[in-house]
Amino acid sequence: MEEVEFRIMFRKPEYPVLIVSPEKLYSAINLRQLAEICVSLSLAGSEIKLRVIDSTGSEFWYLPREYILSPGFVTKKWSKKKVIETFNNSVNARESNQEYSMRSLSSKKLEKIILDICGILNYET
């Protein structure tokens, strides 16, 4: 497999991560998988940025024009509710006819929610 052009600025995300593209959601469990997905989404040269949510809820932006992943500067942390709503409103959830439960959010850790959703996304592929 050929090397992909992909750089990280400032700091790396904590894995697993959710990748929020305009079309659907993806998940990655390591840097290599993250780089392959980001580069393969055919956004090169585009102004569109991908949002990557790491297991701590931190948002990162992938800028396809520069092949760079950097921490987001607008939304510092995603809430449990926002992560679940993003999944439940995604094409992935509609196609698989699955929904992540919004019950008992206070007893669930954000990291566990992201891990569960990544598991669902990996199971689909």
C-alpha atoms as a PDB file:
ATOM      1  CA  MET A   1       0.000   0.000   0.000  1.00  0.00           C
ATOM      2  CA  GLU A   2       1.350   3.442  -0.868  1.00  0.00           C
ATOM      3  CA  GLU A   3       1.961   6.111   1.742  1.00  0.00           C
ATOM      4  CA  VAL A   4      -0.729   8.743   2.058  1.00  0.00           C
ATOM      5  CA  GLU A   5       0.023  12.415   2.499  1.00  0.00           C
ATOM      6  CA  PHE A   6      -1.407  13.275   5.895  1.00  0.00           C
ATOM      7  CA  ARG A   7      -0.108  15.551   8.649  1.00  0.00           C
ATOM      8  CA  ILE A   8      -1.212  16.278  12.182  1.00  0.00           C
ATOM      9  CA  MET A   9      -0.796  19.732  13.695  1.00  0.00           C
ATOM     10  CA  PHE A  10      -0.487  20.507  17.417  1.00  0.00           C
ATOM     11  CA  ARG A  11      -1.734  17.218  18.900  1.00  0.00           C
ATOM     12  CA  LYS A  12      -3.068  13.780  17.994  1.00  0.00           C
ATOM     13  CA  PRO A  13      -6.622  12.594  18.656  1.00  0.00           C
ATOM     14  CA  GLU A  14      -7.409   9.854  21.154  1.00  0.00           C
ATOM     15  CA  TYR A  15      -8.714   6.702  19.454  1.00  0.00           C
ATOM     16  CA  PRO A  16     -11.218   5.506  18.417  1.00  0.00           C
ATOM     17  CA  VAL A  17     -12.520   8.485  16.462  1.00  0.00           C
ATOM     18  CA  LEU A  18     -15.719   9.328  14.592  1.00  0.00           C
ATOM     19  CA  ILE A  19     -15.281  10.959  11.197  1.00  0.00           C
ATOM     20  CA  VAL A  20     -18.210  13.179  10.223  1.00  0.00           C
ATOM     21  CA  SER A  21     -18.320  13.712   6.457  1.00  0.00           C
ATOM     22  CA  PRO A  22     -21.056  15.504   4.518  1.00  0.00           C
ATOM     23  CA  GLU A  23     -22.396  12.126   3.328  1.00  0.00           C
ATOM     24  CA  LYS A  24     -22.023   9.732   6.262  1.00  0.00           C
ATOM     25  CA  LEU A  25     -20.086   8.739   9.373  1.00  0.00           C
ATOM     26  CA  TYR A  26     -16.932   6.664   9.533  1.00  0.00           C
ATOM     27  CA  SER A  27     -14.799   5.384  12.386  1.00  0.00           C
ATOM     28  CA  ALA A  28     -11.098   4.761  12.804  1.00  0.00           C
ATOM     29  CA  ILE A  29      -9.186   2.968  15.515  1.00  0.00           C
ATOM     30  CA  ASN A  30      -5.675   4.202  14.663  1.00  0.00           C
ATOM     31  CA  LEU A  31      -3.778   6.888  12.771  1.00  0.00           C
ATOM     32  CA  ARG A  32      -3.268   4.827   9.630  1.00  0.00           C
ATOM     33  CA  GLN A  33      -6.980   4.060   9.291  1.00  0.00           C
ATOM     34  CA  LEU A  34      -7.879   7.709   9.991  1.00  0.00           C
ATOM     35  CA  ALA A  35      -5.462   8.932   7.321  1.00  0.00           C
ATOM     36  CA  GLU A  36      -6.708   6.422   4.737  1.00  0.00           C
ATOM     37  CA  ILE A  37     -10.350   7.364   5.299  1.00  0.00           C
ATOM     38  CA  CYS A  38      -9.735  11.124   5.237  1.00  0.00           C
ATOM     39  CA  VAL A  39      -7.616  10.999   2.088  1.00  0.00           C
ATOM     40  CA  SER A  40      -9.929   8.533   0.305  1.00  0.00           C
ATOM     41  CA  LEU A  41     -13.052  10.687   0.663  1.00  0.00           C
ATOM     42  CA  SER A  42     -12.194  12.588  -2.536  1.00  0.00           C
ATOM     43  CA  LEU A  43     -12.327  16.027  -0.980  1.00  0.00           C
ATOM     44  CA  ALA A  44      -8.816  16.983  -2.119  1.00  0.00           C
ATOM     45  CA  GLY A  45      -8.650  20.647  -3.030  1.00  0.00           C
ATOM     46  CA  SER A  46     -12.080  21.200  -1.531  1.00  0.00           C
ATOM     47  CA  GLU A  47     -12.995  23.894   0.966  1.00  0.00           C
ATOM     48  CA  ILE A  48     -15.076  21.324   2.849  1.00  0.00           C
ATOM     49  CA  LYS A  49     -13.536  20.193   6.102  1.00  0.00           C
ATOM     50  CA  LEU A  50     -14.220  16.916   7.833  1.00  0.00           C
ATOM     51  CA  ARG A  51     -14.926  16.881  11.536  1.00  0.00           C
ATOM     52  CA  VAL A  52     -13.194  14.198  13.541  1.00  0.00           C
ATOM     53  CA  ILE A  53     -14.401  13.550  17.087  1.00  0.00           C
ATOM     54  CA  ASP A  54     -11.984  11.684  19.314  1.00  0.00           C
ATOM     55  CA  SER A  55     -12.847   9.461  22.269  1.00  0.00           C
ATOM     56  CA  THR A  56     -12.599  12.417  24.683  1.00  0.00           C
ATOM     57  CA  GLY A  57     -15.170  14.406  22.686  1.00  0.00           C
ATOM     58  CA  SER A  58     -12.560  16.810  21.274  1.00  0.00           C
ATOM     59  CA  GLU A  59     -13.243  18.033  17.749  1.00  0.00           C
ATOM     60  CA  PHE A  60     -10.538  18.003  15.095  1.00  0.00           C
ATOM     61  CA  TRP A  61     -10.751  19.322  11.556  1.00  0.00           C
ATOM     62  CA  TYR A  62      -9.313  17.611   8.516  1.00  0.00           C
ATOM     63  CA  LEU A  63      -8.499  20.147   5.829  1.00  0.00           C
ATOM     64  CA  PRO A  64      -8.288  18.203   2.532  1.00  0.00           C
ATOM     65  CA  ARG A  65      -6.624  20.989   0.603  1.00  0.00           C
ATOM     66  CA  GLU A  66      -3.614  20.854   2.937  1.00  0.00           C
ATOM     67  CA  TYR A  67      -3.931  17.194   4.061  1.00  0.00           C
ATOM     68  CA  ILE A  68      -3.806  18.401   7.680  1.00  0.00           C
ATOM     69  CA  LEU A  69      -5.662  17.303  10.803  1.00  0.00           C
ATOM     70  CA  SER A  70      -5.725  19.900  13.563  1.00  0.00           C
ATOM     71  CA  PRO A  71      -7.761  20.563  16.706  1.00  0.00           C
ATOM     72  CA  GLY A  72     -10.972  22.465  16.010  1.00  0.00           C
ATOM     73  CA  PHE A  73     -11.171  26.028  17.202  1.00  0.00           C
ATOM     74  CA  VAL A  74     -14.934  26.542  17.493  1.00  0.00           C
ATOM     75  CA  THR A  75     -16.337  23.529  19.330  1.00  0.00           C
ATOM     76  CA  LYS A  76     -13.852  22.390  21.951  1.00  0.00           C
ATOM     77  CA  LYS A  77     -15.779  19.369  23.268  1.00  0.00           C
ATOM     78  CA  TRP A  78     -18.806  17.504  22.004  1.00  0.00           C
ATOM     79  CA  SER A  79     -21.502  16.544  24.472  1.00  0.00           C
ATOM     80  CA  LYS A  80     -22.892  13.027  24.797  1.00  0.00           C
ATOM     81  CA  LYS A  81     -26.190  14.248  23.396  1.00  0.00           C
ATOM     82  CA  LYS A  82     -24.564  15.862  20.338  1.00  0.00           C
ATOM     83  CA  VAL A  83     -22.575  12.714  19.527  1.00  0.00           C
ATOM     84  CA  ILE A  84     -25.683  10.523  19.789  1.00  0.00           C
ATOM     85  CA  GLU A  85     -27.840  12.939  17.770  1.00  0.00           C
ATOM     86  CA  THR A  86     -25.167  13.091  15.061  1.00  0.00           C
ATOM     87  CA  PHE A  87     -25.226   9.305  14.793  1.00  0.00           C
ATOM     88  CA  ASN A  88     -29.008   8.962  15.020  1.00  0.00           C
ATOM     89  CA  ASN A  89     -29.491  11.578  12.271  1.00  0.00           C
ATOM     90  CA  SER A  90     -26.835  10.066   9.998  1.00  0.00           C
ATOM     91  CA  VAL A  91     -27.312   8.128   6.790  1.00  0.00           C
ATOM     92  CA  ASN A  92     -25.599   5.206   8.541  1.00  0.00           C
ATOM     93  CA  ALA A  93     -28.311   4.974  11.204  1.00  0.00           C
ATOM     94  CA  ARG A  94     -31.107   5.255   8.644  1.00  0.00           C
ATOM     95  CA  GLU A  95     -29.571   2.636   6.338  1.00  0.00           C
ATOM     96  CA  SER A  96     -28.972   0.154   9.160  1.00  0.00           C
ATOM     97  CA  ASN A  97     -32.253   1.072  10.852  1.00  0.00           C
ATOM     98  CA  GLN A  98     -30.424   1.543  14.167  1.00  0.00           C
ATOM     99  CA  GLU A  99     -30.620   4.222  16.775  1.00  0.00           C
ATOM    100  CA  TYR A 100     -28.401   4.807  19.808  1.00  0.00           C
ATOM    101  CA  SER A 101     -30.461   5.176  22.960  1.00  0.00           C
ATOM    102  CA  MET A 102     -30.661   8.609  24.593  1.00  0.00           C
ATOM    103  CA  ARG A 103     -31.694   7.023  27.908  1.00  0.00           C
ATOM    104  CA  SER A 104     -29.520   7.205  31.012  1.00  0.00           C
ATOM    105  CA  LEU A 105     -26.961   9.579  29.526  1.00  0.00           C
ATOM    106  CA  SER A 106     -25.771  10.594  32.974  1.00  0.00           C
ATOM    107  CA  SER A 107     -24.649   7.047  33.701  1.00  0.00           C
ATOM    108  CA  LYS A 108     -22.782   6.620  30.391  1.00  0.00           C
ATOM    109  CA  LYS A 109     -19.285   7.942  29.795  1.00  0.00           C
ATOM    110  CA  LEU A 110     -18.664   9.856  26.573  1.00  0.00           C
ATOM    111  CA  GLU A 111     -15.776   7.553  25.735  1.00  0.00           C
ATOM    112  CA  LYS A 112     -18.089   4.505  25.972  1.00  0.00           C
ATOM    113  CA  ILE A 113     -20.706   6.146  23.739  1.00  0.00           C
ATOM    114  CA  ILE A 114     -18.108   6.923  21.078  1.00  0.00           C
ATOM    115  CA  LEU A 115     -16.670   3.406  21.357  1.00  0.00           C
ATOM    116  CA  ASP A 116     -20.168   1.898  20.950  1.00  0.00           C
ATOM    117  CA  ILE A 117     -20.952   4.042  17.903  1.00  0.00           C
ATOM    118  CA  CYS A 118     -17.574   3.227  16.336  1.00  0.00           C
ATOM    119  CA  GLY A 119     -18.387  -0.460  16.884  1.00  0.00           C
ATOM    120  CA  ILE A 120     -21.705  -0.044  15.091  1.00  0.00           C
ATOM    121  CA  LEU A 121     -20.004   1.760  12.198  1.00  0.00           C
ATOM    122  CA  ASN A 122     -17.249  -0.893  11.935  1.00  0.00           C
ATOM    123  CA  TYR A 123     -19.862  -3.655  11.956  1.00  0.00           C
ATOM    124  CA  GLU A 124     -21.584  -2.055   8.940  1.00  0.00           C
ATOM    125  CA  THR A 125     -18.479  -2.208   6.731  1.00  0.00           C
END
